[in-house]
């Protein structure tokens, strides 16, 4: 089943609570939170206090995407605020398997994220353990970027690998998702779609979410 994850980085931070309620009313399934440290990616987003405020306001699950080095340092904080899904990048730690196990030991779903330049082969050893794989279809760090078509090949690779595995991990896609690109990634096996600017700028958010799920 396809689920839609509004990326709160695209929301209006002067009225984030209202945006959260509007997205929930429109049928959003999960909120996507991008955590950036200004080192792993060339931008800084928001930190623990803002995430805690979001967690208190939201009534649907939270998906935290760590674009940071040392991704395990705040695992307990995210667990304590009720985060459901936590992903990090393979390049962010020399001990990725340990990080996956730590996240899962806290009762959260663990995901591994791939930048556009990162091949599926780099995370193949983790596919038996992760709950989801996050394919970035833009270069992470900023919202509103255009979809990178070549990343679709990774979806095909993951679907093919998953066929012969007991672990039927989800495939999440983030970056440049709109009405057109959503159809492409769904056709190629993605079932978790992150949408930021496209969704938040829509006048009829419920109609857009329904169409993206379509």
Protein backbone atom coordinates (compact mmCIF):
# COMPACT_ATOMS: atom_id res chain seq x y z
CA UNK A 1 0.00 0.00 0.00
CA UNK A 2 1.31 3.43 -0.96
CA UNK A 3 1.72 5.92 1.88
CA UNK A 4 2.33 9.66 1.60
CA UNK A 5 4.83 11.39 3.88
CA UNK A 6 4.68 15.21 3.92
CA UNK A 7 8.17 16.64 4.48
CA UNK A 8 7.78 19.18 7.25
CA UNK A 9 10.89 21.03 6.09
CA UNK A 10 8.60 22.51 3.42
CA UNK A 11 6.07 23.71 5.96
CA UNK A 12 5.62 27.21 7.34
CA UNK A 13 7.57 27.26 10.61
CA UNK A 14 5.61 30.25 11.85
CA UNK A 15 2.48 28.05 11.93
CA UNK A 16 3.82 24.51 11.95
CA UNK A 17 1.12 23.25 14.30
CA UNK A 18 -1.59 24.37 11.88
CA UNK A 19 0.26 22.79 8.96
CA UNK A 20 0.49 19.50 10.86
CA UNK A 21 -3.25 19.46 11.56
CA UNK A 22 -4.06 20.39 7.96
CA UNK A 23 -1.92 17.57 6.57
CA UNK A 24 -3.44 15.06 8.96
CA UNK A 25 -6.95 16.16 7.96
CA UNK A 26 -5.97 15.84 4.29
CA UNK A 27 -5.05 12.17 4.73
CA UNK A 28 -1.27 12.17 5.27
CA UNK A 29 0.04 8.85 6.57
CA UNK A 30 3.41 9.69 8.15
CA UNK A 31 5.35 12.92 8.74
CA UNK A 32 8.89 13.07 7.36
CA UNK A 33 11.47 15.05 9.37
CA UNK A 34 14.83 15.97 7.81
CA UNK A 35 17.63 16.45 10.33
CA UNK A 36 20.69 18.24 8.88
CA UNK A 37 23.92 19.10 10.66
CA UNK A 38 25.58 21.47 8.19
CA UNK A 39 28.43 18.98 7.82
CA UNK A 40 27.09 15.85 6.16
CA UNK A 41 24.93 18.11 3.99
CA UNK A 42 25.43 21.85 3.32
CA UNK A 43 22.48 23.03 5.36
CA UNK A 44 21.11 23.05 8.92
CA UNK A 45 17.42 22.27 9.44
CA UNK A 46 16.03 21.82 12.95
CA UNK A 47 17.03 19.92 16.05
CA UNK A 48 15.67 18.04 19.02
CA UNK A 49 13.48 20.80 20.55
CA UNK A 50 11.58 21.36 17.28
CA UNK A 51 11.20 17.60 16.77
CA UNK A 52 9.80 17.29 20.30
CA UNK A 53 7.27 20.02 19.55
CA UNK A 54 6.26 18.26 16.31
CA UNK A 55 5.92 14.94 18.14
CA UNK A 56 3.57 16.51 20.72
CA UNK A 57 1.38 17.97 17.99
CA UNK A 58 1.29 15.08 15.51
CA UNK A 59 -1.08 12.13 15.82
CA UNK A 60 0.32 10.11 12.88
CA UNK A 61 3.71 8.32 12.85
CA UNK A 62 7.01 10.19 12.48
CA UNK A 63 9.81 9.26 10.06
CA UNK A 64 13.15 10.91 10.90
CA UNK A 65 15.81 11.09 8.18
CA UNK A 66 19.25 11.79 9.64
CA UNK A 67 21.55 13.68 7.27
CA UNK A 68 24.22 13.86 9.95
CA UNK A 69 27.48 12.28 10.92
CA UNK A 70 27.45 9.98 13.96
CA UNK A 71 23.76 9.07 13.49
CA UNK A 72 23.51 7.05 16.70
CA UNK A 73 24.14 9.92 19.11
CA UNK A 74 20.49 10.98 19.35
CA UNK A 75 18.76 7.61 18.96
CA UNK A 76 17.47 7.67 22.54
CA UNK A 77 16.10 11.19 22.11
CA UNK A 78 14.09 10.18 19.06
CA UNK A 79 12.86 7.04 20.76
CA UNK A 80 11.74 9.03 23.81
CA UNK A 81 9.70 11.46 21.70
CA UNK A 82 7.89 8.58 20.00
CA UNK A 83 9.54 8.49 16.57
CA UNK A 84 8.50 5.40 14.60
CA UNK A 85 11.05 5.30 11.75
CA UNK A 86 14.70 6.39 11.78
CA UNK A 87 17.06 6.33 8.80
CA UNK A 88 20.67 7.34 8.25
CA UNK A 89 23.16 7.38 5.39
CA UNK A 90 25.64 4.59 4.80
CA UNK A 91 28.46 7.17 4.50
CA UNK A 92 27.67 8.68 7.91
CA UNK A 93 29.16 5.91 10.03
CA UNK A 94 31.77 3.13 9.74
CA UNK A 95 29.45 0.88 11.77
CA UNK A 96 26.19 0.85 9.84
CA UNK A 97 25.08 -2.61 10.94
CA UNK A 98 25.57 -1.65 14.58
CA UNK A 99 23.51 1.50 14.03
CA UNK A 100 20.68 -0.51 12.46
CA UNK A 101 20.65 -2.91 15.40
CA UNK A 102 20.65 -0.04 17.91
CA UNK A 103 17.67 1.64 16.24
CA UNK A 104 15.72 -1.62 16.11
CA UNK A 105 16.57 -2.43 19.73
CA UNK A 106 14.74 0.76 20.71
CA UNK A 107 11.58 -0.41 18.98
CA UNK A 108 11.89 1.86 15.93
CA UNK A 109 11.99 0.85 12.29
CA UNK A 110 15.51 1.23 10.89
CA UNK A 111 16.21 2.55 7.42
CA UNK A 112 19.29 3.09 5.30
CA UNK A 113 19.45 6.07 2.95
CA UNK A 114 21.21 6.32 -0.41
CA UNK A 115 22.37 9.57 -1.96
CA UNK A 116 22.04 9.84 -5.76
CA UNK A 117 25.71 8.87 -6.17
CA UNK A 118 25.51 5.91 -3.75
CA UNK A 119 25.00 2.52 -5.44
CA UNK A 120 22.63 -0.12 -4.09
CA UNK A 121 25.62 -2.43 -3.77
CA UNK A 122 26.93 -0.22 -0.95
CA UNK A 123 24.01 -1.26 1.28
CA UNK A 124 23.39 -4.76 0.00
CA UNK A 125 24.82 -6.29 3.18
CA UNK A 126 22.17 -4.46 5.23
CA UNK A 127 19.09 -5.40 3.22
CA UNK A 128 18.37 -8.43 5.36
CA UNK A 129 18.17 -6.28 8.48
CA UNK A 130 16.63 -2.91 7.59
CA UNK A 131 12.91 -2.19 7.61
CA UNK A 132 13.11 0.26 4.73
CA UNK A 133 15.50 1.75 2.18
CA UNK A 134 15.32 5.47 1.44
CA UNK A 135 16.32 6.42 -2.10
CA UNK A 136 17.18 10.08 -2.49
CA UNK A 137 16.11 11.32 -5.92
CA UNK A 138 17.71 14.73 -5.30
CA UNK A 139 20.98 15.67 -3.65
CA UNK A 140 20.07 16.06 0.03
CA UNK A 141 20.27 19.34 1.88
CA UNK A 142 17.67 21.58 0.26
CA UNK A 143 14.01 21.36 -0.68
CA UNK A 144 12.45 22.19 -4.02
CA UNK A 145 15.00 20.43 -6.23
CA UNK A 146 14.30 18.61 -9.49
CA UNK A 147 13.91 14.83 -9.69
CA UNK A 148 17.02 12.90 -10.86
CA UNK A 149 15.70 10.33 -13.34
CA UNK A 150 18.68 7.99 -13.18
CA UNK A 151 17.89 7.15 -9.54
CA UNK A 152 14.91 5.08 -10.71
CA UNK A 153 17.31 2.30 -11.67
CA UNK A 154 18.01 1.77 -7.96
CA UNK A 155 14.36 1.04 -7.34
CA UNK A 156 14.48 -1.73 -9.92
CA UNK A 157 17.62 -3.15 -8.31
CA UNK A 158 16.04 -3.16 -4.85
CA UNK A 159 12.85 -4.81 -6.08
CA UNK A 160 14.87 -7.53 -7.80
CA UNK A 161 17.02 -8.19 -4.73
CA UNK A 162 13.98 -8.24 -2.46
CA UNK A 163 12.33 -11.00 -4.52
CA UNK A 164 14.87 -13.49 -3.21
CA UNK A 165 14.86 -12.32 0.39
CA UNK A 166 12.76 -13.18 3.43
CA UNK A 167 12.96 -9.55 4.57
CA UNK A 168 10.39 -7.61 2.52
CA UNK A 169 11.65 -4.10 3.30
CA UNK A 170 9.73 -1.00 2.22
CA UNK A 171 11.12 1.34 -0.43
CA UNK A 172 10.90 5.05 0.32
CA UNK A 173 11.62 7.83 -2.18
CA UNK A 174 12.42 11.44 -1.33
CA UNK A 175 13.08 14.31 -3.70
CA UNK A 176 11.15 16.04 -6.45
CA UNK A 177 8.00 13.99 -5.92
CA UNK A 178 4.98 15.42 -7.75
CA UNK A 179 2.07 13.99 -9.68
CA UNK A 180 4.25 12.86 -12.58
CA UNK A 181 7.28 11.50 -10.71
CA UNK A 182 5.07 9.75 -8.13
CA UNK A 183 3.63 7.59 -10.90
CA UNK A 184 7.14 6.73 -12.09
CA UNK A 185 8.48 5.65 -8.70
CA UNK A 186 5.32 3.71 -7.81
CA UNK A 187 5.59 1.81 -11.09
CA UNK A 188 9.16 0.91 -10.14
CA UNK A 189 8.28 -0.40 -6.68
CA UNK A 190 8.30 2.52 -4.22
CA UNK A 191 5.54 2.47 -1.61
CA UNK A 192 6.57 5.33 0.73
CA UNK A 193 6.56 8.70 -1.03
CA UNK A 194 7.96 11.82 0.61
CA UNK A 195 6.60 15.08 -0.81
CA UNK A 196 7.57 18.56 0.29
CA UNK A 197 7.11 21.71 -1.77
CA UNK A 198 4.64 20.11 -4.19
CA UNK A 199 2.31 19.05 -1.41
CA UNK A 200 2.59 22.10 0.85
CA UNK A 201 1.97 24.53 -2.02
CA UNK A 202 -1.18 22.70 -3.11
CA UNK A 203 -4.49 24.48 -2.57
CA UNK A 204 -6.38 21.20 -2.15
CA UNK A 205 -4.00 19.02 -0.15
CA UNK A 206 -6.50 16.21 0.29
CA UNK A 207 -6.94 15.91 -3.49
CA UNK A 208 -3.19 15.91 -4.03
CA UNK A 209 -2.57 13.25 -1.38
CA UNK A 210 -5.34 11.11 -2.84
CA UNK A 211 -3.86 11.46 -6.32
CA UNK A 212 -0.34 10.64 -5.12
CA UNK A 213 -1.65 7.47 -3.46
CA UNK A 214 -3.70 6.76 -6.64
